[in-house]
Amino acid sequence: MKQILTVAPIDAPSPKTNDSITADYVGTLVSNGQKFDSSIDRGQPFTFIIGQGSVIRGWDEGFLSMKIGEKAILKLRSDYAYGVRGSPPKIPSSSDLYFEVELIDIN
């Protein structure tokens, strides 16, 4: 599920599968609101190739629906995140996650 926080300009480009994108994010657990990761806290946006399976499924699908400059919340069920394996020690098994994200650039 995606909730738009900041609407991008109507003519802003959207990424396509196999595009390299750069984004900022803050990830929290739905269960207790605890932050587990943040590119903003590190002061370094995250770059990845969309649709390659190098990130969780919810990111591959969620960022495809965004435009440069858009900020949104991605609420991901565990099967769109880390599933039953989780990502110990910060993300327990079968955790639903919130990500506040901003698509900064398509590289």
PDB file of N, CA and C in Angstrom:
ATOM      1  N   MET A   1       0.844  -1.180   0.000  1.00  0.00           N
ATOM      2  CA  MET A   1       0.000   0.000   0.000  1.00  0.00           C
ATOM      3  C   MET A   1       0.886   1.239   0.000  1.00  0.00           C
ATOM      4  N   LYS A   2       0.543   2.207  -0.821  1.00  0.00           N
ATOM      5  CA  LYS A   2       1.313   3.448  -0.915  1.00  0.00           C
ATOM      6  C   LYS A   2       0.423   4.627  -0.579  1.00  0.00           C
ATOM      7  N   GLN A   3       0.968   5.523   0.254  1.00  0.00           N
ATOM      8  CA  GLN A   3       0.296   6.777   0.577  1.00  0.00           C
ATOM      9  C   GLN A   3       1.237   7.905   0.175  1.00  0.00           C
ATOM     10  N   ILE A   4       0.799   8.770  -0.722  1.00  0.00           N
ATOM     11  CA  ILE A   4       1.638   9.872  -1.190  1.00  0.00           C
ATOM     12  C   ILE A   4       1.640  10.987  -0.151  1.00  0.00           C
ATOM     13  N   LEU A   5       2.846  11.442   0.203  1.00  0.00           N
ATOM     14  CA  LEU A   5       3.009  12.549   1.144  1.00  0.00           C
ATOM     15  C   LEU A   5       3.280  13.858   0.411  1.00  0.00           C
ATOM     16  N   THR A   6       4.111  13.807  -0.626  1.00  0.00           N
ATOM     17  CA  THR A   6       4.435  14.964  -1.453  1.00  0.00           C
ATOM     18  C   THR A   6       4.263  14.563  -2.906  1.00  0.00           C
ATOM     19  N   VAL A   7       3.395  15.265  -3.607  1.00  0.00           N
ATOM     20  CA  VAL A   7       3.125  14.964  -5.013  1.00  0.00           C
ATOM     21  C   VAL A   7       4.239  15.558  -5.870  1.00  0.00           C
ATOM     22  N   ALA A   8       4.737  14.765  -6.808  1.00  0.00           N
ATOM     23  CA  ALA A   8       5.758  15.232  -7.749  1.00  0.00           C
ATOM     24  C   ALA A   8       5.094  16.052  -8.852  1.00  0.00           C
ATOM     25  N   PRO A   9       5.869  16.902  -9.523  1.00  0.00           N
ATOM     26  CA  PRO A   9       5.317  17.615 -10.677  1.00  0.00           C
ATOM     27  C   PRO A   9       4.757  16.629 -11.702  1.00  0.00           C
ATOM     28  N   ILE A  10       3.710  17.031 -12.387  1.00  0.00           N
ATOM     29  CA  ILE A  10       3.013  16.155 -13.333  1.00  0.00           C
ATOM     30  C   ILE A  10       3.946  15.622 -14.418  1.00  0.00           C
ATOM     31  N   ASP A  11       4.948  16.417 -14.812  1.00  0.00           N
ATOM     32  CA  ASP A  11       5.856  16.006 -15.883  1.00  0.00           C
ATOM     33  C   ASP A  11       7.132  15.335 -15.376  1.00  0.00           C
ATOM     34  N   ALA A  12       7.205  15.062 -14.071  1.00  0.00           N
ATOM     35  CA  ALA A  12       8.384  14.394 -13.510  1.00  0.00           C
ATOM     36  C   ALA A  12       8.461  12.960 -14.031  1.00  0.00           C
ATOM     37  N   PRO A  13       9.666  12.501 -14.358  1.00  0.00           N
ATOM     38  CA  PRO A  13       9.795  11.140 -14.882  1.00  0.00           C
ATOM     39  C   PRO A  13       9.598  10.067 -13.811  1.00  0.00           C
ATOM     40  N   SER A  14       9.166   8.898 -14.266  1.00  0.00           N
ATOM     41  CA  SER A  14       9.018   7.709 -13.423  1.00  0.00           C
ATOM     42  C   SER A  14      10.055   6.680 -13.853  1.00  0.00           C
ATOM     43  N   PRO A  15      10.555   5.885 -12.905  1.00  0.00           N
ATOM     44  CA  PRO A  15      11.518   4.853 -13.286  1.00  0.00           C
ATOM     45  C   PRO A  15      10.837   3.685 -13.993  1.00  0.00           C
ATOM     46  N   LYS A  16      11.654   2.959 -14.731  1.00  0.00           N
ATOM     47  CA  LYS A  16      11.230   1.731 -15.391  1.00  0.00           C
ATOM     48  C   LYS A  16      12.115   0.596 -14.877  1.00  0.00           C
ATOM     49  N   THR A  17      11.673  -0.626 -15.055  1.00  0.00           N
ATOM     50  CA  THR A  17      12.485  -1.781 -14.689  1.00  0.00           C
ATOM     51  C   THR A  17      13.864  -1.657 -15.331  1.00  0.00           C
ATOM     52  N   ASN A  18      14.884  -1.972 -14.543  1.00  0.00           N
ATOM     53  CA  ASN A  18      16.307  -1.916 -14.910  1.00  0.00           C
ATOM     54  C   ASN A  18      16.914  -0.521 -14.851  1.00  0.00           C
ATOM     55  N   ASP A  19      16.144   0.500 -14.444  1.00  0.00           N
ATOM     56  CA  ASP A  19      16.723   1.818 -14.191  1.00  0.00           C
ATOM     57  C   ASP A  19      17.442   1.796 -12.849  1.00  0.00           C
ATOM     58  N   SER A  20      18.528   2.536 -12.764  1.00  0.00           N
ATOM     59  CA  SER A  20      19.199   2.772 -11.492  1.00  0.00           C
ATOM     60  C   SER A  20      18.539   3.994 -10.861  1.00  0.00           C
ATOM     61  N   ILE A  21      18.099   3.859  -9.610  1.00  0.00           N
ATOM     62  CA  ILE A  21      17.452   4.985  -8.933  1.00  0.00           C
ATOM     63  C   ILE A  21      18.161   5.292  -7.619  1.00  0.00           C
ATOM     64  N   THR A  22      18.003   6.522  -7.169  1.00  0.00           N
ATOM     65  CA  THR A  22      18.537   6.965  -5.887  1.00  0.00           C
ATOM     66  C   THR A  22      17.378   7.457  -5.046  1.00  0.00           C
ATOM     67  N   ALA A  23      17.351   7.004  -3.785  1.00  0.00           N
ATOM     68  CA  ALA A  23      16.235   7.330  -2.897  1.00  0.00           C
ATOM     69  C   ALA A  23      16.726   7.522  -1.470  1.00  0.00           C
ATOM     70  N   ASP A  24      15.968   8.295  -0.719  1.00  0.00           N
ATOM     71  CA  ASP A  24      16.127   8.372   0.730  1.00  0.00           C
ATOM     72  C   ASP A  24      14.994   7.593   1.359  1.00  0.00           C
ATOM     73  N   TYR A  25      15.244   7.050   2.546  1.00  0.00           N
ATOM     74  CA  TYR A  25      14.208   6.272   3.229  1.00  0.00           C
ATOM     75  C   TYR A  25      14.435   6.242   4.732  1.00  0.00           C
ATOM     76  N   VAL A  26      13.344   6.021   5.450  1.00  0.00           N
ATOM     77  CA  VAL A  26      13.363   5.698   6.872  1.00  0.00           C
ATOM     78  C   VAL A  26      12.461   4.489   7.033  1.00  0.00           C
ATOM     79  N   GLY A  27      12.998   3.414   7.604  1.00  0.00           N
ATOM     80  CA  GLY A  27      12.228   2.190   7.795  1.00  0.00           C
ATOM     81  C   GLY A  27      11.872   1.981   9.252  1.00  0.00           C
ATOM     82  N   THR A  28      10.602   1.656   9.513  1.00  0.00           N
ATOM     83  CA  THR A  28      10.141   1.378  10.876  1.00  0.00           C
ATOM     84  C   THR A  28       9.291   0.112  10.889  1.00  0.00           C
ATOM     85  N   LEU A  29       9.251  -0.525  12.052  1.00  0.00           N
ATOM     86  CA  LEU A  29       8.406  -1.695  12.245  1.00  0.00           C
ATOM     87  C   LEU A  29       6.974  -1.242  12.477  1.00  0.00           C
ATOM     88  N   VAL A  30       6.013  -1.852  11.788  1.00  0.00           N
ATOM     89  CA  VAL A  30       4.600  -1.527  11.997  1.00  0.00           C
ATOM     90  C   VAL A  30       4.191  -1.889  13.421  1.00  0.00           C
ATOM     91  N   SER A  31       4.721  -2.981  13.952  1.00  0.00           N
ATOM     92  CA  SER A  31       4.284  -3.500  15.253  1.00  0.00           C
ATOM     93  C   SER A  31       4.511  -2.540  16.410  1.00  0.00           C
ATOM     94  N   ASN A  32       5.622  -1.784  16.385  1.00  0.00           N
ATOM     95  CA  ASN A  32       5.923  -0.913  17.526  1.00  0.00           C
ATOM     96  C   ASN A  32       6.473   0.460  17.134  1.00  0.00           C
ATOM     97  N   GLY A  33       6.569   0.740  15.835  1.00  0.00           N
ATOM     98  CA  GLY A  33       7.061   2.038  15.381  1.00  0.00           C
ATOM     99  C   GLY A  33       8.554   2.237  15.512  1.00  0.00           C
ATOM    100  N   GLN A  34       9.284   1.194  15.878  1.00  0.00           N
ATOM    101  CA  GLN A  34      10.726   1.313  16.074  1.00  0.00           C
ATOM    102  C   GLN A  34      11.448   1.459  14.735  1.00  0.00           C
ATOM    103  N   LYS A  35      12.297   2.491  14.649  1.00  0.00           N
ATOM    104  CA  LYS A  35      13.101   2.705  13.443  1.00  0.00           C
ATOM    105  C   LYS A  35      14.213   1.664  13.412  1.00  0.00           C
ATOM    106  N   PHE A  36      14.389   1.021  12.241  1.00  0.00           N
ATOM    107  CA  PHE A  36      15.450   0.026  12.113  1.00  0.00           C
ATOM    108  C   PHE A  36      16.525   0.438  11.117  1.00  0.00           C
ATOM    109  N   ASP A  37      16.248   1.420  10.259  1.00  0.00           N
ATOM    110  CA  ASP A  37      17.245   1.855   9.285  1.00  0.00           C
ATOM    111  C   ASP A  37      16.832   3.199   8.697  1.00  0.00           C
ATOM    112  N   SER A  38      17.845   3.979   8.279  1.00  0.00           N
ATOM    113  CA  SER A  38      17.563   5.286   7.691  1.00  0.00           C
ATOM    114  C   SER A  38      18.757   5.766   6.875  1.00  0.00           C
ATOM    115  N   SER A  39      18.541   5.987   5.591  1.00  0.00           N
ATOM    116  CA  SER A  39      19.592   6.588   4.763  1.00  0.00           C
ATOM    117  C   SER A  39      19.816   8.041   5.178  1.00  0.00           C
ATOM    118  N   ILE A  40      18.777   8.674   5.664  1.00  0.00           N
ATOM    119  CA  ILE A  40      18.866  10.078   6.085  1.00  0.00           C
ATOM    120  C   ILE A  40      19.789  10.206   7.290  1.00  0.00           C
ATOM    121  N   ASP A  41      19.647   9.301   8.267  1.00  0.00           N
ATOM    122  CA  ASP A  41      20.525   9.328   9.442  1.00  0.00           C
ATOM    123  C   ASP A  41      21.987   9.126   9.053  1.00  0.00           C
ATOM    124  N   ARG A  42      22.234   8.316   8.032  1.00  0.00           N
ATOM    125  CA  ARG A  42      23.603   8.074   7.564  1.00  0.00           C
ATOM    126  C   ARG A  42      24.108   9.208   6.682  1.00  0.00           C
ATOM    127  N   GLY A  43      23.187  10.055   6.198  1.00  0.00           N
ATOM    128  CA  GLY A  43      23.574  11.150   5.314  1.00  0.00           C
ATOM    129  C   GLY A  43      23.965  10.684   3.925  1.00  0.00           C
ATOM    130  N   GLN A  44      23.459   9.507   3.523  1.00  0.00           N
ATOM    131  CA  GLN A  44      23.801   8.968   2.210  1.00  0.00           C
ATOM    132  C   GLN A  44      22.594   8.277   1.593  1.00  0.00           C
ATOM    133  N   PRO A  45      22.030   8.855   0.527  1.00  0.00           N
ATOM    134  CA  PRO A  45      20.918   8.197  -0.164  1.00  0.00           C
ATOM    135  C   PRO A  45      21.339   6.823  -0.682  1.00  0.00           C
ATOM    136  N   PHE A  46      20.346   5.983  -0.940  1.00  0.00           N
ATOM    137  CA  PHE A  46      20.563   4.604  -1.373  1.00  0.00           C
ATOM    138  C   PHE A  46      20.303   4.501  -2.873  1.00  0.00           C
ATOM    139  N   THR A  47      21.209   3.853  -3.597  1.00  0.00           N
ATOM    140  CA  THR A  47      21.070   3.660  -5.041  1.00  0.00           C
ATOM    141  C   THR A  47      20.967   2.171  -5.342  1.00  0.00           C
ATOM    142  N   PHE A  48      20.014   1.815  -6.209  1.00  0.00           N
ATOM    143  CA  PHE A  48      19.865   0.417  -6.622  1.00  0.00           C
ATOM    144  C   PHE A  48      19.211   0.354  -7.993  1.00  0.00           C
ATOM    145  N   ILE A  49      19.318  -0.809  -8.619  1.00  0.00           N
ATOM    146  CA  ILE A  49      18.674  -1.041  -9.915  1.00  0.00           C
ATOM    147  C   ILE A  49      17.314  -1.664  -9.656  1.00  0.00           C
ATOM    148  N   ILE A  50      16.290  -0.996 -10.126  1.00  0.00           N
ATOM    149  CA  ILE A  50      14.917  -1.403  -9.854  1.00  0.00           C
ATOM    150  C   ILE A  50      14.543  -2.629 -10.702  1.00  0.00           C
ATOM    151  N   GLY A  51      13.857  -3.566 -10.060  1.00  0.00           N
ATOM    152  CA  GLY A  51      13.357  -4.743 -10.761  1.00  0.00           C
ATOM    153  C   GLY A  51      14.352  -5.876 -10.901  1.00  0.00           C
ATOM    154  N   GLN A  52      15.494  -5.785 -10.245  1.00  0.00           N
ATOM    155  CA  GLN A  52      16.525  -6.824 -10.335  1.00  0.00           C
ATOM    156  C   GLN A  52      16.484  -7.799  -9.159  1.00  0.00           C
ATOM    157  N   GLY A  53      15.620  -7.526  -8.173  1.00  0.00           N
ATOM    158  CA  GLY A  53      15.566  -8.388  -6.997  1.00  0.00           C
ATOM    159  C   GLY A  53      16.684  -8.132  -6.003  1.00  0.00           C
ATOM    160  N   SER A  54      17.380  -7.007  -6.142  1.00  0.00           N
ATOM    161  CA  SER A  54      18.463  -6.670  -5.211  1.00  0.00           C
ATOM    162  C   SER A  54      17.935  -6.025  -3.933  1.00  0.00           C
ATOM    163  N   VAL A  55      16.665  -5.660  -3.937  1.00  0.00           N
ATOM    164  CA  VAL A  55      16.001  -5.094  -2.757  1.00  0.00           C
ATOM    165  C   VAL A  55      14.715  -5.887  -2.520  1.00  0.00           C
ATOM    166  N   ILE A  56      14.035  -5.584  -1.440  1.00  0.00           N
ATOM    167  CA  ILE A  56      12.793  -6.294  -1.142  1.00  0.00           C
ATOM    168  C   ILE A  56      11.732  -6.017  -2.209  1.00  0.00           C
ATOM    169  N   ARG A  57      10.835  -6.958  -2.373  1.00  0.00           N
ATOM    170  CA  ARG A  57       9.795  -6.897  -3.414  1.00  0.00           C
ATOM    171  C   ARG A  57       8.963  -5.613  -3.336  1.00  0.00           C
ATOM    172  N   GLY A  58       8.615  -5.187  -2.123  1.00  0.00           N
ATOM    173  CA  GLY A  58       7.809  -3.983  -1.946  1.00  0.00           C
ATOM    174  C   GLY A  58       8.489  -2.728  -2.464  1.00  0.00           C
ATOM    175  N   TRP A  59       9.824  -2.695  -2.418  1.00  0.00           N
ATOM    176  CA  TRP A  59      10.558  -1.560  -2.987  1.00  0.00           C
ATOM    177  C   TRP A  59      10.559  -1.633  -4.504  1.00  0.00           C
ATOM    178  N   ASP A  60      10.857  -2.807  -5.058  1.00  0.00           N
ATOM    179  CA  ASP A  60      10.848  -2.941  -6.520  1.00  0.00           C
ATOM    180  C   ASP A  60       9.503  -2.503  -7.087  1.00  0.00           C
ATOM    181  N   GLU A  61       8.417  -2.919  -6.469  1.00  0.00           N
ATOM    182  CA  GLU A  61       7.083  -2.568  -6.968  1.00  0.00           C
ATOM    183  C   GLU A  61       6.692  -1.139  -6.605  1.00  0.00           C
ATOM    184  N   GLY A  62       6.984  -0.717  -5.382  1.00  0.00           N
ATOM    185  CA  GLY A  62       6.584   0.611  -4.916  1.00  0.00           C
ATOM    186  C   GLY A  62       7.249   1.746  -5.670  1.00  0.00           C
ATOM    187  N   PHE A  63       8.557   1.643  -5.899  1.00  0.00           N
ATOM    188  CA  PHE A  63       9.270   2.726  -6.589  1.00  0.00           C
ATOM    189  C   PHE A  63       8.881   2.834  -8.056  1.00  0.00           C
ATOM    190  N   LEU A  64       8.422   1.743  -8.664  1.00  0.00           N
ATOM    191  CA  LEU A  64       7.968   1.817 -10.060  1.00  0.00           C
ATOM    192  C   LEU A  64       6.758   2.730 -10.221  1.00  0.00           C
ATOM    193  N   SER A  65       6.008   2.932  -9.144  1.00  0.00           N
ATOM    194  CA  SER A  65       4.804   3.769  -9.210  1.00  0.00           C
ATOM    195  C   SER A  65       5.073   5.219  -8.810  1.00  0.00           C
ATOM    196  N   MET A  66       6.345   5.562  -8.576  1.00  0.00           N
ATOM    197  CA  MET A  66       6.684   6.906  -8.110  1.00  0.00           C
ATOM    198  C   MET A  66       7.286   7.751  -9.228  1.00  0.00           C
ATOM    199  N   LYS A  67       7.393   9.057  -8.949  1.00  0.00           N
ATOM    200  CA  LYS A  67       8.048  10.013  -9.838  1.00  0.00           C
ATOM    201  C   LYS A  67       9.141  10.726  -9.055  1.00  0.00           C
ATOM    202  N   ILE A  68      10.126  11.251  -9.768  1.00  0.00           N
ATOM    203  CA  ILE A  68      11.189  12.010  -9.107  1.00  0.00           C
ATOM    204  C   ILE A  68      10.569  13.163  -8.322  1.00  0.00           C
ATOM    205  N   GLY A  69      10.996  13.299  -7.067  1.00  0.00           N
ATOM    206  CA  GLY A  69      10.487  14.350  -6.191  1.00  0.00           C
ATOM    207  C   GLY A  69       9.326  13.918  -5.321  1.00  0.00           C
ATOM    208  N   GLU A  70       8.747  12.776  -5.614  1.00  0.00           N
ATOM    209  CA  GLU A  70       7.615  12.282  -4.815  1.00  0.00           C
ATOM    210  C   GLU A  70       8.114  11.704  -3.497  1.00  0.00           C
ATOM    211  N   LYS A  71       7.368  11.985  -2.436  1.00  0.00           N
ATOM    212  CA  LYS A  71       7.593  11.361  -1.131  1.00  0.00           C
ATOM    213  C   LYS A  71       6.354  10.546  -0.809  1.00  0.00           C
ATOM    214  N   ALA A  72       6.572   9.361  -0.248  1.00  0.00           N
ATOM    215  CA  ALA A  72       5.445   8.479   0.029  1.00  0.00           C
ATOM    216  C   ALA A  72       5.763   7.572   1.207  1.00  0.00           C
ATOM    217  N   ILE A  73       4.714   6.974   1.739  1.00  0.00           N
ATOM    218  CA  ILE A  73       4.859   5.905   2.720  1.00  0.00           C
ATOM    219  C   ILE A  73       4.493   4.608   2.022  1.00  0.00           C
ATOM    220  N   LEU A  74       5.393   3.639   2.105  1.00  0.00           N
ATOM    221  CA  LEU A  74       5.113   2.293   1.622  1.00  0.00           C
ATOM    222  C   LEU A  74       4.854   1.425   2.846  1.00  0.00           C
ATOM    223  N   LYS A  75       3.641   0.909   2.970  1.00  0.00           N
ATOM    224  CA  LYS A  75       3.325  -0.024   4.054  1.00  0.00           C
ATOM    225  C   LYS A  75       3.359  -1.417   3.445  1.00  0.00           C
ATOM    226  N   LEU A  76       4.325  -2.212   3.890  1.00  0.00           N
ATOM    227  CA  LEU A  76       4.576  -3.501   3.269  1.00  0.00           C
ATOM    228  C   LEU A  76       4.255  -4.654   4.206  1.00  0.00           C
ATOM    229  N   ARG A  77       3.428  -5.574   3.713  1.00  0.00           N
ATOM    230  CA  ARG A  77       3.230  -6.833   4.435  1.00  0.00           C
ATOM    231  C   ARG A  77       4.563  -7.580   4.434  1.00  0.00           C
ATOM    232  N   SER A  78       4.715  -8.475   5.370  1.00  0.00           N
ATOM    233  CA  SER A  78       5.991  -9.180   5.499  1.00  0.00           C
ATOM    234  C   SER A  78       6.392  -9.916   4.225  1.00  0.00           C
ATOM    235  N   ASP A  79       5.415 -10.432   3.463  1.00  0.00           N
ATOM    236  CA  ASP A  79       5.764 -11.161   2.236  1.00  0.00           C
ATOM    237  C   ASP A  79       6.260 -10.232   1.126  1.00  0.00           C
ATOM    238  N   TYR A  80       6.115  -8.930   1.293  1.00  0.00           N
ATOM    239  CA  TYR A  80       6.683  -7.953   0.372  1.00  0.00           C
ATOM    240  C   TYR A  80       7.960  -7.344   0.947  1.00  0.00           C
ATOM    241  N   ALA A  81       8.349  -7.816   2.143  1.00  0.00           N
ATOM    242  CA  ALA A  81       9.541  -7.311   2.818  1.00  0.00           C
ATOM    243  C   ALA A  81      10.527  -8.473   3.015  1.00  0.00           C
ATOM    244  N   TYR A  82      10.757  -8.872   4.261  1.00  0.00           N
ATOM    245  CA  TYR A  82      11.752  -9.907   4.547  1.00  0.00           C
ATOM    246  C   TYR A  82      11.140 -11.260   4.891  1.00  0.00           C
ATOM    247  N   GLY A  83       9.799 -11.349   4.878  1.00  0.00           N
ATOM    248  CA  GLY A  83       9.121 -12.623   5.076  1.00  0.00           C
ATOM    249  C   GLY A  83       9.424 -13.287   6.405  1.00  0.00           C
ATOM    250  N   VAL A  84       9.317 -14.603   6.426  1.00  0.00           N
ATOM    251  CA  VAL A  84       9.501 -15.351   7.673  1.00  0.00           C
ATOM    252  C   VAL A  84      10.945 -15.320   8.149  1.00  0.00           C
ATOM    253  N   ARG A  85      11.901 -15.087   7.258  1.00  0.00           N
ATOM    254  CA  ARG A  85      13.301 -15.057   7.689  1.00  0.00           C
ATOM    255  C   ARG A  85      13.641 -13.776   8.448  1.00  0.00           C
ATOM    256  N   GLY A  86      12.887 -12.692   8.207  1.00  0.00           N
ATOM    257  CA  GLY A  86      13.209 -11.419   8.831  1.00  0.00           C
ATOM    258  C   GLY A  86      14.577 -10.933   8.376  1.00  0.00           C
ATOM    259  N   SER A  87      15.143 -10.013   9.134  1.00  0.00           N
ATOM    260  CA  SER A  87      16.508  -9.536   8.900  1.00  0.00           C
ATOM    261  C   SER A  87      17.121  -9.231  10.263  1.00  0.00           C
ATOM    262  N   PRO A  88      17.472 -10.321  10.992  1.00  0.00           N
ATOM    263  CA  PRO A  88      17.988 -10.167  12.355  1.00  0.00           C
ATOM    264  C   PRO A  88      19.237  -9.283  12.384  1.00  0.00           C
ATOM    265  N   PRO A  89      19.463  -8.559  13.457  1.00  0.00           N
ATOM    266  CA  PRO A  89      18.663  -8.575  14.685  1.00  0.00           C
ATOM    267  C   PRO A  89      17.562  -7.514  14.722  1.00  0.00           C
ATOM    268  N   LYS A  90      17.502  -6.638  13.724  1.00  0.00           N
ATOM    269  CA  LYS A  90      16.584  -5.496  13.823  1.00  0.00           C
ATOM    270  C   LYS A  90      15.173  -5.772  13.331  1.00  0.00           C
ATOM    271  N   ILE A  91      15.007  -6.716  12.398  1.00  0.00           N
ATOM    272  CA  ILE A  91      13.681  -6.986  11.830  1.00  0.00           C
ATOM    273  C   ILE A  91      13.294  -8.430  12.133  1.00  0.00           C
ATOM    274  N   PRO A  92      12.353  -8.626  13.057  1.00  0.00           N
ATOM    275  CA  PRO A  92      11.929  -9.983  13.421  1.00  0.00           C
ATOM    276  C   PRO A  92      11.217 -10.700  12.273  1.00  0.00           C
ATOM    277  N   SER A  93      11.107 -11.991  12.400  1.00  0.00           N
ATOM    278  CA  SER A  93      10.385 -12.828  11.445  1.00  0.00           C
ATOM    279  C   SER A  93       8.971 -12.307  11.213  1.00  0.00           C
ATOM    280  N   SER A  94       8.527 -12.351   9.974  1.00  0.00           N
ATOM    281  CA  SER A  94       7.150 -12.009   9.570  1.00  0.00           C
ATOM    282  C   SER A  94       6.724 -10.596   9.954  1.00  0.00           C
ATOM    283  N   SER A  95       7.654  -9.646   9.906  1.00  0.00           N
ATOM    284  CA  SER A  95       7.344  -8.259  10.281  1.00  0.00           C
ATOM    285  C   SER A  95       6.797  -7.463   9.105  1.00  0.00           C
ATOM    286  N   ASP A  96       5.690  -6.749   9.348  1.00  0.00           N
ATOM    287  CA  ASP A  96       5.193  -5.752   8.406  1.00  0.00           C
ATOM    288  C   ASP A  96       6.003  -4.476   8.639  1.00  0.00           C
ATOM    289  N   LEU A  97       6.284  -3.743   7.556  1.00  0.00           N
ATOM    290  CA  LEU A  97       7.170  -2.586   7.649  1.00  0.00           C
ATOM    291  C   LEU A  97       6.552  -1.345   7.021  1.00  0.00           C
ATOM    292  N   TYR A  98       6.920  -0.186   7.599  1.00  0.00           N
ATOM    293  CA  TYR A  98       6.627   1.118   6.999  1.00  0.00           C
ATOM    294  C   TYR A  98       7.939   1.675   6.475  1.00  0.00           C
ATOM    295  N   PHE A  99       7.916   2.231   5.277  1.00  0.00           N
ATOM    296  CA  PHE A  99       9.051   2.979   4.764  1.00  0.00           C
ATOM    297  C   PHE A  99       8.553   4.339   4.315  1.00  0.00           C
ATOM    298  N   GLU A 100       9.129   5.401   4.863  1.00  0.00           N
ATOM    299  CA  GLU A 100       8.906   6.732   4.318  1.00  0.00           C
ATOM    300  C   GLU A 100      10.019   6.940   3.304  1.00  0.00           C
ATOM    301  N   VAL A 101       9.653   7.130   2.040  1.00  0.00           N
ATOM    302  CA  VAL A 101      10.631   7.153   0.956  1.00  0.00           C
ATOM    303  C   VAL A 101      10.495   8.420   0.115  1.00  0.00           C
ATOM    304  N   GLU A 102      11.603   8.797  -0.511  1.00  0.00           N
ATOM    305  CA  GLU A 102      11.606   9.882  -1.491  1.00  0.00           C
ATOM    306  C   GLU A 102      12.436   9.437  -2.680  1.00  0.00           C
ATOM    307  N   LEU A 103      11.862   9.499  -3.867  1.00  0.00           N
ATOM    308  CA  LEU A 103      12.606   9.198  -5.088  1.00  0.00           C
ATOM    309  C   LEU A 103      13.375  10.455  -5.487  1.00  0.00           C
ATOM    310  N   ILE A 104      14.686  10.393  -5.375  1.00  0.00           N
ATOM    311  CA  ILE A 104      15.541  11.555  -5.623  1.00  0.00           C
ATOM    312  C   ILE A 104      15.938  11.672  -7.089  1.00  0.00           C
ATOM    313  N   ASP A 105      16.318  10.536  -7.697  1.00  0.00           N
ATOM    314  CA  ASP A 105      16.836  10.622  -9.061  1.00  0.00           C
ATOM    315  C   ASP A 105      16.723   9.282  -9.776  1.00  0.00           C
ATOM    316  N   ILE A 106      16.665   9.352 -11.091  1.00  0.00           N
ATOM    317  CA  ILE A 106      16.817   8.191 -11.964  1.00  0.00           C
ATOM    318  C   ILE A 106      18.153   8.408 -12.650  1.00  0.00           C
ATOM    319  N   ASN A 107      19.086   7.513 -12.406  1.00  0.00           N
ATOM    320  CA  ASN A 107      20.478   7.726 -12.836  1.00  0.00           C
ATOM    321  C   ASN A 107      20.723   7.243 -14.257  1.00  0.00           C
TER     322      ASN A 107
END
